[in-house]
N, C-alpha and C. Protein backbone atom coordinates (compact mmCIF):
# COMPACT_ATOMS: atom_id res chain seq x y z
N MET A 1 94.60 73.39 98.87
CA MET A 1 94.30 74.50 98.00
C MET A 1 93.47 75.58 98.70
N VAL A 2 92.63 75.18 99.63
CA VAL A 2 91.77 76.14 100.31
C VAL A 2 92.60 77.19 101.04
N TYR A 3 93.73 76.79 101.61
CA TYR A 3 94.55 77.75 102.33
C TYR A 3 95.16 78.78 101.39
N TYR A 4 95.40 78.41 100.13
CA TYR A 4 95.87 79.39 99.14
C TYR A 4 94.81 80.46 98.92
N ILE A 5 93.58 80.01 98.78
CA ILE A 5 92.48 80.94 98.55
C ILE A 5 92.32 81.87 99.76
N ARG A 6 92.43 81.31 100.95
CA ARG A 6 92.32 82.10 102.17
C ARG A 6 93.45 83.14 102.22
N ALA A 7 94.67 82.73 101.90
CA ALA A 7 95.81 83.65 101.92
C ALA A 7 95.61 84.78 100.92
N LYS A 8 95.17 84.45 99.72
CA LYS A 8 94.93 85.47 98.70
C LYS A 8 93.81 86.41 99.12
N SER A 9 92.79 85.87 99.75
CA SER A 9 91.67 86.70 100.19
C SER A 9 92.10 87.71 101.24
N TYR A 10 92.88 87.27 102.21
CA TYR A 10 93.39 88.20 103.23
C TYR A 10 94.21 89.30 102.57
N TYR A 11 95.08 88.92 101.64
CA TYR A 11 95.94 89.90 100.97
C TYR A 11 95.09 90.90 100.16
N ARG A 12 94.14 90.40 99.42
CA ARG A 12 93.31 91.30 98.60
C ARG A 12 92.48 92.24 99.47
N TYR A 13 91.99 91.74 100.58
CA TYR A 13 91.22 92.60 101.48
C TYR A 13 92.13 93.69 102.06
N ALA A 14 93.36 93.32 102.40
CA ALA A 14 94.32 94.31 102.89
C ALA A 14 94.59 95.37 101.82
N LEU A 15 94.72 94.96 100.57
CA LEU A 15 94.93 95.90 99.48
C LEU A 15 93.74 96.85 99.33
N ASP A 16 92.54 96.31 99.44
CA ASP A 16 91.34 97.15 99.34
C ASP A 16 91.31 98.20 100.45
N LEU A 17 91.67 97.80 101.65
CA LEU A 17 91.70 98.76 102.76
C LEU A 17 92.79 99.81 102.56
N PHE A 18 93.91 99.39 101.98
CA PHE A 18 95.01 100.31 101.73
C PHE A 18 94.59 101.44 100.78
N LYS A 19 93.76 101.11 99.82
CA LYS A 19 93.30 102.12 98.85
C LYS A 19 92.55 103.26 99.54
N ASP A 20 91.95 102.98 100.68
CA ASP A 20 91.17 103.98 101.40
C ASP A 20 92.01 104.83 102.36
N LEU A 21 93.25 104.44 102.61
CA LEU A 21 94.06 105.17 103.59
C LEU A 21 94.22 106.66 103.27
N PRO A 22 94.53 107.03 102.03
CA PRO A 22 94.68 108.47 101.77
C PRO A 22 93.42 109.28 102.05
N LYS A 23 92.26 108.66 101.96
CA LYS A 23 91.00 109.37 102.22
C LYS A 23 90.82 109.72 103.69
N ILE A 24 91.42 108.92 104.57
CA ILE A 24 91.26 109.18 106.01
C ILE A 24 92.53 109.76 106.63
N LYS A 25 93.39 110.26 105.79
CA LYS A 25 94.67 110.82 106.23
C LYS A 25 94.50 111.95 107.25
N LYS A 26 93.43 112.67 107.17
CA LYS A 26 93.19 113.81 108.06
C LYS A 26 92.78 113.39 109.48
N ASN A 27 92.42 112.11 109.64
CA ASN A 27 92.00 111.60 110.94
C ASN A 27 93.06 110.60 111.43
N PRO A 28 94.05 111.07 112.19
CA PRO A 28 95.17 110.21 112.59
C PRO A 28 94.79 108.93 113.33
N SER A 29 93.82 109.01 114.22
CA SER A 29 93.46 107.80 114.98
C SER A 29 92.80 106.76 114.08
N GLU A 30 91.94 107.21 113.17
CA GLU A 30 91.30 106.29 112.23
C GLU A 30 92.33 105.71 111.27
N LEU A 31 93.27 106.53 110.83
CA LEU A 31 94.34 106.07 109.94
C LEU A 31 95.17 104.99 110.60
N GLN A 32 95.53 105.22 111.85
CA GLN A 32 96.32 104.23 112.57
C GLN A 32 95.54 102.93 112.77
N LYS A 33 94.26 103.05 113.08
CA LYS A 33 93.41 101.87 113.28
C LYS A 33 93.33 101.04 111.99
N LYS A 34 93.11 101.71 110.86
CA LYS A 34 93.05 101.00 109.56
C LYS A 34 94.40 100.38 109.22
N ALA A 35 95.47 101.10 109.50
CA ALA A 35 96.81 100.57 109.23
C ALA A 35 97.07 99.31 110.05
N GLN A 36 96.65 99.31 111.29
CA GLN A 36 96.81 98.13 112.14
C GLN A 36 95.98 96.97 111.61
N GLU A 37 94.78 97.27 111.12
CA GLU A 37 93.93 96.23 110.55
C GLU A 37 94.59 95.63 109.29
N ILE A 38 95.15 96.48 108.46
CA ILE A 38 95.85 96.02 107.25
C ILE A 38 97.04 95.16 107.65
N PHE A 39 97.77 95.59 108.65
CA PHE A 39 98.93 94.84 109.13
C PHE A 39 98.51 93.45 109.59
N ASN A 40 97.44 93.37 110.37
CA ASN A 40 96.94 92.07 110.83
C ASN A 40 96.49 91.19 109.67
N LEU A 41 95.82 91.78 108.69
CA LEU A 41 95.38 91.00 107.53
C LEU A 41 96.57 90.46 106.73
N GLY A 42 97.59 91.27 106.59
CA GLY A 42 98.79 90.81 105.89
C GLY A 42 99.45 89.65 106.62
N LEU A 43 99.52 89.76 107.94
CA LEU A 43 100.07 88.66 108.73
C LEU A 43 99.21 87.41 108.57
N LYS A 44 97.89 87.59 108.55
CA LYS A 44 96.99 86.45 108.38
C LYS A 44 97.17 85.80 107.01
N ALA A 45 97.50 86.59 106.01
CA ALA A 45 97.72 86.02 104.67
C ALA A 45 98.86 85.02 104.70
N ILE A 46 99.93 85.36 105.37
CA ILE A 46 101.06 84.43 105.46
C ILE A 46 100.75 83.31 106.45
N TRP A 47 100.10 83.64 107.54
CA TRP A 47 99.72 82.64 108.54
C TRP A 47 98.83 81.57 107.92
N ALA A 48 97.94 81.97 107.02
CA ALA A 48 97.00 81.03 106.39
C ALA A 48 97.72 79.93 105.62
N LEU A 49 98.93 80.20 105.17
CA LEU A 49 99.69 79.18 104.45
C LEU A 49 100.15 78.05 105.36
N SER A 50 100.11 78.28 106.66
CA SER A 50 100.56 77.28 107.64
C SER A 50 99.47 76.29 108.02
N TYR A 51 98.24 76.58 107.65
CA TYR A 51 97.12 75.75 108.07
C TYR A 51 96.27 75.32 106.88
N VAL A 52 96.16 74.01 106.69
CA VAL A 52 95.31 73.51 105.63
C VAL A 52 93.86 73.79 105.98
N LEU A 53 93.50 73.49 107.22
CA LEU A 53 92.15 73.80 107.73
C LEU A 53 92.28 74.92 108.75
N PRO A 54 91.38 75.88 108.69
CA PRO A 54 91.47 76.97 109.66
C PRO A 54 91.16 76.48 111.07
N PRO A 55 91.83 77.02 112.07
CA PRO A 55 91.52 76.63 113.44
C PRO A 55 90.14 77.14 113.84
N GLU A 56 89.62 76.59 114.91
CA GLU A 56 88.27 76.95 115.35
C GLU A 56 88.17 78.40 115.83
N LYS A 57 89.23 78.90 116.46
CA LYS A 57 89.20 80.28 116.91
C LYS A 57 90.28 81.08 116.16
N PRO A 58 90.03 82.35 115.95
CA PRO A 58 91.01 83.18 115.24
C PRO A 58 92.33 83.26 116.00
N PRO A 59 93.41 83.39 115.28
CA PRO A 59 94.72 83.45 115.95
C PRO A 59 94.93 84.78 116.66
N GLU A 60 95.72 84.73 117.69
CA GLU A 60 96.09 85.95 118.40
C GLU A 60 97.27 86.59 117.67
N PHE A 61 97.52 87.84 117.95
CA PHE A 61 98.57 88.57 117.25
C PHE A 61 99.93 87.88 117.38
N LYS A 62 100.22 87.36 118.56
CA LYS A 62 101.52 86.71 118.80
C LYS A 62 101.72 85.54 117.84
N GLU A 63 100.69 84.72 117.67
CA GLU A 63 100.78 83.57 116.76
C GLU A 63 100.95 84.05 115.31
N LEU A 64 100.19 85.06 114.93
CA LEU A 64 100.32 85.61 113.57
C LEU A 64 101.74 86.09 113.33
N TRP A 65 102.27 86.81 114.29
CA TRP A 65 103.62 87.36 114.16
C TRP A 65 104.65 86.24 114.03
N GLU A 66 104.58 85.23 114.90
CA GLU A 66 105.56 84.15 114.89
C GLU A 66 105.53 83.36 113.58
N LYS A 67 104.34 83.04 113.09
CA LYS A 67 104.23 82.28 111.83
C LYS A 67 104.73 83.11 110.65
N THR A 68 104.49 84.39 110.69
CA THR A 68 104.95 85.25 109.60
C THR A 68 106.47 85.34 109.61
N VAL A 69 107.05 85.56 110.77
CA VAL A 69 108.50 85.70 110.89
C VAL A 69 109.20 84.41 110.43
N GLU A 70 108.60 83.26 110.70
CA GLU A 70 109.18 81.98 110.26
C GLU A 70 109.29 81.90 108.74
N SER A 71 108.39 82.58 108.04
CA SER A 71 108.30 82.48 106.59
C SER A 71 109.14 83.50 105.84
N LEU A 72 109.77 84.41 106.54
CA LEU A 72 110.49 85.51 105.89
C LEU A 72 111.99 85.38 106.06
N ASP A 73 112.73 86.01 105.14
CA ASP A 73 114.18 86.07 105.34
C ASP A 73 114.50 87.17 106.35
N SER A 74 115.70 87.16 106.86
CA SER A 74 116.06 88.05 107.97
C SER A 74 115.94 89.53 107.62
N ASP A 75 116.22 89.91 106.37
CA ASP A 75 116.07 91.32 105.97
C ASP A 75 114.63 91.77 106.09
N ASP A 76 113.71 90.91 105.62
CA ASP A 76 112.30 91.26 105.69
C ASP A 76 111.78 91.28 107.12
N VAL A 77 112.32 90.43 107.97
CA VAL A 77 111.91 90.41 109.38
C VAL A 77 112.27 91.74 110.02
N ALA A 78 113.48 92.24 109.74
CA ALA A 78 113.90 93.53 110.30
C ALA A 78 112.99 94.66 109.80
N LYS A 79 112.63 94.62 108.53
CA LYS A 79 111.73 95.63 107.97
C LYS A 79 110.36 95.55 108.63
N LEU A 80 109.88 94.32 108.83
CA LEU A 80 108.56 94.14 109.45
C LEU A 80 108.55 94.65 110.88
N GLU A 81 109.63 94.43 111.61
CA GLU A 81 109.69 94.93 112.98
C GLU A 81 109.65 96.46 113.00
N LYS A 82 110.36 97.08 112.06
CA LYS A 82 110.35 98.55 111.96
C LYS A 82 108.94 99.04 111.62
N ILE A 83 108.30 98.38 110.69
CA ILE A 83 106.95 98.75 110.29
C ILE A 83 105.97 98.59 111.46
N ARG A 84 106.08 97.47 112.14
CA ARG A 84 105.20 97.21 113.29
C ARG A 84 105.38 98.30 114.35
N ASN A 85 106.63 98.65 114.63
CA ASN A 85 106.89 99.68 115.64
C ASN A 85 106.31 101.03 115.22
N THR A 86 106.36 101.35 113.94
CA THR A 86 105.82 102.61 113.45
C THR A 86 104.30 102.63 113.56
N ILE A 87 103.68 101.56 113.10
CA ILE A 87 102.21 101.51 113.06
C ILE A 87 101.59 101.47 114.45
N PHE A 88 102.25 100.80 115.36
CA PHE A 88 101.69 100.66 116.70
C PHE A 88 102.28 101.67 117.70
N SER A 89 103.01 102.68 117.20
CA SER A 89 103.61 103.67 118.09
C SER A 89 102.54 104.62 118.64
N GLU A 90 102.92 105.35 119.66
CA GLU A 90 102.00 106.27 120.32
C GLU A 90 101.56 107.41 119.40
N LYS A 91 102.51 108.03 118.73
CA LYS A 91 102.21 109.19 117.88
C LYS A 91 102.83 109.03 116.50
N PRO A 92 102.27 108.16 115.68
CA PRO A 92 102.84 107.96 114.35
C PRO A 92 102.50 109.12 113.41
N GLU A 93 103.37 109.37 112.46
CA GLU A 93 103.13 110.38 111.45
C GLU A 93 102.29 109.76 110.33
N GLU A 94 101.35 110.53 109.81
CA GLU A 94 100.42 110.01 108.80
C GLU A 94 101.15 109.50 107.56
N GLU A 95 102.09 110.30 107.06
CA GLU A 95 102.82 109.90 105.85
C GLU A 95 103.65 108.64 106.10
N LYS A 96 104.24 108.55 107.28
CA LYS A 96 105.04 107.37 107.62
C LYS A 96 104.17 106.12 107.66
N ILE A 97 102.98 106.26 108.19
CA ILE A 97 102.07 105.11 108.27
C ILE A 97 101.77 104.60 106.86
N ILE A 98 101.38 105.50 105.98
CA ILE A 98 101.02 105.09 104.62
C ILE A 98 102.21 104.47 103.91
N GLU A 99 103.38 105.08 104.04
CA GLU A 99 104.57 104.54 103.38
C GLU A 99 104.95 103.18 103.96
N ASN A 100 104.85 103.02 105.27
CA ASN A 100 105.18 101.74 105.90
C ASN A 100 104.20 100.65 105.49
N ILE A 101 102.93 100.97 105.38
CA ILE A 101 101.94 99.98 104.95
C ILE A 101 102.21 99.59 103.50
N ARG A 102 102.58 100.55 102.67
CA ARG A 102 102.91 100.25 101.27
C ARG A 102 104.09 99.26 101.21
N GLU A 103 105.11 99.52 102.01
CA GLU A 103 106.28 98.63 102.06
C GLU A 103 105.87 97.25 102.60
N PHE A 104 105.04 97.23 103.61
CA PHE A 104 104.56 95.98 104.20
C PHE A 104 103.83 95.14 103.16
N LEU A 105 102.94 95.77 102.39
CA LEU A 105 102.20 95.02 101.38
C LEU A 105 103.11 94.49 100.27
N GLU A 106 104.19 95.19 100.00
CA GLU A 106 105.17 94.69 99.02
C GLU A 106 105.86 93.43 99.54
N ILE A 107 106.17 93.42 100.81
CA ILE A 107 106.79 92.22 101.42
C ILE A 107 105.83 91.05 101.36
N ILE A 108 104.57 91.29 101.71
CA ILE A 108 103.56 90.23 101.68
C ILE A 108 103.38 89.74 100.24
N LYS A 109 103.35 90.66 99.31
CA LYS A 109 103.21 90.29 97.89
C LYS A 109 104.37 89.40 97.45
N LYS A 110 105.57 89.72 97.90
CA LYS A 110 106.74 88.92 97.54
C LYS A 110 106.61 87.49 98.06
N VAL A 111 106.11 87.35 99.27
CA VAL A 111 105.94 86.02 99.87
C VAL A 111 104.84 85.24 99.13
N LEU A 112 103.77 85.93 98.78
CA LEU A 112 102.62 85.27 98.15
C LEU A 112 102.71 85.22 96.63
N LYS A 113 103.78 85.72 96.06
CA LYS A 113 103.91 85.82 94.61
C LYS A 113 103.58 84.52 93.87
N PRO A 114 104.03 83.37 94.33
CA PRO A 114 103.67 82.13 93.62
C PRO A 114 102.17 81.86 93.58
N LEU A 115 101.42 82.43 94.52
CA LEU A 115 99.98 82.19 94.58
C LEU A 115 99.17 83.21 93.81
N LEU A 116 99.72 84.38 93.62
CA LEU A 116 98.94 85.48 93.03
C LEU A 116 98.90 85.45 91.55
């Protein structure tokens, strides 16, 4: 049960950060940094379902990505790859970042729906 609470906590924290994105829209680098943080938290929400007890050290991005991809259907994996490429691109557009994060959180919500 603890891992459910951890998964929900990561998701809720990501949602809280998402609410602040429009406020920092004028600062592209800060917006991208927050979007990447939200993306990592969303991945951690799904990753947390894989571990009853948390590991001693935080997971690296590669592990988060692999565990998340294992839990999704192929359509969502393709969407996640597109979102990841947008968020981590060199010159992302502000509106695209916000829209991609919104779509990302919907995917995470769909996966966590039984827990929420």
